[in-house]
Amino acid sequence: MWESWGSNMVVKVKWFYHPEETKLGKRQSDGKNALYQSCHEDENDVQTISHKCQVVGREHYEQITRSKKYQDRQDLYYLAGTYDPTTGRLVTADGVPILC
């Protein structure tokens, strides 16, 4: 986070995509809170950020969601893989390409 020339606070963000936002769309194997990481980054005014979320590996996600304390967290997601929005290429978190 830094202050821009116009005295606005700016933050650099990395984009994540919900499965239904990818060219392939949501698959049956995509869980409720799956996200795909992309190499797409932006610099945005801090005021455009609505909230933060936590993205963890699938195993860690499963451990957290089994705990009653975290059962209904709306800000917890797991990393399902990577997505290139320019080519539509999806790769699982294990490095396996997903064919469209």
C-alpha atoms as a PDB file:
ATOM      1  CA  MET A   1       0.000   0.000   0.000  1.00  0.00           C
ATOM      2  CA  TRP A   2       1.319   3.461  -0.838  1.00  0.00           C
ATOM      3  CA  GLU A   3       0.237   7.007  -1.488  1.00  0.00           C
ATOM      4  CA  SER A   4      -0.101   8.025  -5.153  1.00  0.00           C
ATOM      5  CA  TRP A   5       0.825  11.358  -6.730  1.00  0.00           C
ATOM      6  CA  GLY A   6      -2.755  12.541  -6.201  1.00  0.00           C
ATOM      7  CA  SER A   7      -2.574  11.730  -2.467  1.00  0.00           C
ATOM      8  CA  ASN A   8      -4.818   8.670  -2.855  1.00  0.00           C
ATOM      9  CA  MET A   9      -3.922   5.443  -1.092  1.00  0.00           C
ATOM     10  CA  VAL A  10      -3.206   2.679  -3.619  1.00  0.00           C
ATOM     11  CA  VAL A  11      -2.840  -1.067  -3.168  1.00  0.00           C
ATOM     12  CA  LYS A  12      -1.448  -3.708  -5.537  1.00  0.00           C
ATOM     13  CA  VAL A  13      -3.716  -6.735  -5.774  1.00  0.00           C
ATOM     14  CA  LYS A  14      -3.415 -10.144  -7.406  1.00  0.00           C
ATOM     15  CA  TRP A  15      -6.583 -11.368  -9.078  1.00  0.00           C
ATOM     16  CA  PHE A  16      -8.263 -14.635  -8.184  1.00  0.00           C
ATOM     17  CA  TYR A  17     -11.167 -16.097 -10.144  1.00  0.00           C
ATOM     18  CA  HIS A  18     -14.180 -18.080  -8.990  1.00  0.00           C
ATOM     19  CA  PRO A  19     -14.579 -21.233 -11.115  1.00  0.00           C
ATOM     20  CA  GLU A  20     -17.712 -19.842 -12.784  1.00  0.00           C
ATOM     21  CA  GLU A  21     -15.679 -16.805 -13.938  1.00  0.00           C
ATOM     22  CA  THR A  22     -13.268 -18.978 -15.949  1.00  0.00           C
ATOM     23  CA  LYS A  23     -13.810 -19.931 -19.603  1.00  0.00           C
ATOM     24  CA  LEU A  24     -14.417 -23.539 -18.560  1.00  0.00           C
ATOM     25  CA  GLY A  25     -16.946 -22.582 -15.891  1.00  0.00           C
ATOM     26  CA  LYS A  26     -17.684 -24.318 -12.618  1.00  0.00           C
ATOM     27  CA  ARG A  27     -16.901 -28.021 -12.642  1.00  0.00           C
ATOM     28  CA  GLN A  28     -18.384 -30.656 -10.362  1.00  0.00           C
ATOM     29  CA  SER A  29     -14.988 -31.124  -8.681  1.00  0.00           C
ATOM     30  CA  ASP A  30     -14.783 -27.419  -7.774  1.00  0.00           C
ATOM     31  CA  GLY A  31     -15.862 -27.079  -4.179  1.00  0.00           C
ATOM     32  CA  LYS A  32     -17.976 -24.353  -2.650  1.00  0.00           C
ATOM     33  CA  ASN A  33     -15.098 -21.951  -1.975  1.00  0.00           C
ATOM     34  CA  ALA A  34     -12.598 -22.732  -4.737  1.00  0.00           C
ATOM     35  CA  LEU A  35     -10.503 -19.943  -6.265  1.00  0.00           C
ATOM     36  CA  TYR A  36      -8.025 -19.918  -9.137  1.00  0.00           C
ATOM     37  CA  GLN A  37      -5.005 -17.634  -8.885  1.00  0.00           C
ATOM     38  CA  SER A  38      -3.936 -15.672 -11.940  1.00  0.00           C
ATOM     39  CA  CYS A  39      -0.819 -13.748 -12.866  1.00  0.00           C
ATOM     40  CA  HIS A  40      -3.048 -10.691 -13.396  1.00  0.00           C
ATOM     41  CA  GLU A  41      -2.210  -7.825 -11.023  1.00  0.00           C
ATOM     42  CA  ASP A  42      -3.670  -4.336 -10.698  1.00  0.00           C
ATOM     43  CA  GLU A  43      -3.081  -1.193  -8.741  1.00  0.00           C
ATOM     44  CA  ASN A  44      -6.361   0.005  -7.249  1.00  0.00           C
ATOM     45  CA  ASP A  45      -7.515   2.821  -5.041  1.00  0.00           C
ATOM     46  CA  VAL A  46      -7.860   1.451  -1.500  1.00  0.00           C
ATOM     47  CA  GLN A  47     -11.473   2.666  -1.374  1.00  0.00           C
ATOM     48  CA  THR A  48     -12.435   0.162  -4.101  1.00  0.00           C
ATOM     49  CA  ILE A  49     -11.571  -2.807  -1.873  1.00  0.00           C
ATOM     50  CA  SER A  50     -14.731  -4.127  -0.219  1.00  0.00           C
ATOM     51  CA  HIS A  51     -13.149  -6.709   2.122  1.00  0.00           C
ATOM     52  CA  LYS A  52     -10.261  -9.081   2.527  1.00  0.00           C
ATOM     53  CA  CYS A  53     -10.341 -12.841   2.368  1.00  0.00           C
ATOM     54  CA  GLN A  54      -8.054 -15.715   3.246  1.00  0.00           C
ATOM     55  CA  VAL A  55      -6.921 -18.181   0.568  1.00  0.00           C
ATOM     56  CA  VAL A  56      -5.254 -21.368   1.810  1.00  0.00           C
ATOM     57  CA  GLY A  57      -4.300 -24.771   0.416  1.00  0.00           C
ATOM     58  CA  ARG A  58      -7.045 -27.404   0.115  1.00  0.00           C
ATOM     59  CA  GLU A  59      -5.805 -29.520   3.049  1.00  0.00           C
ATOM     60  CA  HIS A  60      -5.586 -26.488   5.334  1.00  0.00           C
ATOM     61  CA  TYR A  61      -9.054 -25.403   4.184  1.00  0.00           C
ATOM     62  CA  GLU A  62     -10.470 -28.833   5.076  1.00  0.00           C
ATOM     63  CA  GLN A  63      -8.859 -28.684   8.529  1.00  0.00           C
ATOM     64  CA  ILE A  64     -10.205 -25.211   9.226  1.00  0.00           C
ATOM     65  CA  THR A  65     -13.738 -25.963   8.036  1.00  0.00           C
ATOM     66  CA  ARG A  66     -13.953 -29.090  10.203  1.00  0.00           C
ATOM     67  CA  SER A  67     -13.568 -26.859  13.244  1.00  0.00           C
ATOM     68  CA  LYS A  68     -16.882 -25.532  14.635  1.00  0.00           C
ATOM     69  CA  LYS A  69     -15.244 -22.166  15.239  1.00  0.00           C
ATOM     70  CA  TYR A  70     -14.762 -21.588  11.487  1.00  0.00           C
ATOM     71  CA  GLN A  71     -17.648 -23.536   9.958  1.00  0.00           C
ATOM     72  CA  ASP A  72     -19.525 -20.690   8.277  1.00  0.00           C
ATOM     73  CA  ARG A  73     -16.751 -18.233   7.453  1.00  0.00           C
ATOM     74  CA  GLN A  74     -17.604 -16.297   4.313  1.00  0.00           C
ATOM     75  CA  ASP A  75     -14.035 -15.022   3.840  1.00  0.00           C
ATOM     76  CA  LEU A  76     -12.234 -18.393   3.630  1.00  0.00           C
ATOM     77  CA  TYR A  77     -11.333 -19.944   0.259  1.00  0.00           C
ATOM     78  CA  TYR A  78      -8.996 -22.651  -0.988  1.00  0.00           C
ATOM     79  CA  LEU A  79      -6.596 -22.473  -3.899  1.00  0.00           C
ATOM     80  CA  ALA A  80      -7.885 -24.836  -6.599  1.00  0.00           C
ATOM     81  CA  GLY A  81      -5.150 -23.967  -9.101  1.00  0.00           C
ATOM     82  CA  THR A  82      -4.108 -21.280 -11.545  1.00  0.00           C
ATOM     83  CA  TYR A  83      -5.969 -19.589 -14.376  1.00  0.00           C
ATOM     84  CA  ASP A  84      -4.688 -17.564 -17.320  1.00  0.00           C
ATOM     85  CA  PRO A  85      -7.562 -15.299 -18.385  1.00  0.00           C
ATOM     86  CA  THR A  86      -5.944 -14.479 -21.747  1.00  0.00           C
ATOM     87  CA  THR A  87      -5.687 -18.111 -22.897  1.00  0.00           C
ATOM     88  CA  GLY A  88      -8.367 -19.713 -20.704  1.00  0.00           C
ATOM     89  CA  ARG A  89      -5.836 -22.270 -19.449  1.00  0.00           C
ATOM     90  CA  LEU A  90      -6.610 -23.856 -16.080  1.00  0.00           C
ATOM     91  CA  VAL A  91      -4.104 -25.877 -14.062  1.00  0.00           C
ATOM     92  CA  THR A  92      -4.946 -27.678 -10.826  1.00  0.00           C
ATOM     93  CA  ALA A  93      -3.064 -26.941  -7.615  1.00  0.00           C
ATOM     94  CA  ASP A  94      -1.202 -30.219  -8.274  1.00  0.00           C
ATOM     95  CA  GLY A  95       0.032 -28.894 -11.632  1.00  0.00           C
ATOM     96  CA  VAL A  96      -2.296 -30.944 -13.840  1.00  0.00           C
ATOM     97  CA  PRO A  97      -3.709 -29.022 -16.850  1.00  0.00           C
ATOM     98  CA  ILE A  98      -7.492 -29.027 -17.132  1.00  0.00           C
ATOM     99  CA  LEU A  99      -8.643 -29.452 -20.726  1.00  0.00           C
ATOM    100  CA  CYS A 100     -11.502 -27.318 -22.006  1.00  0.00           C
END
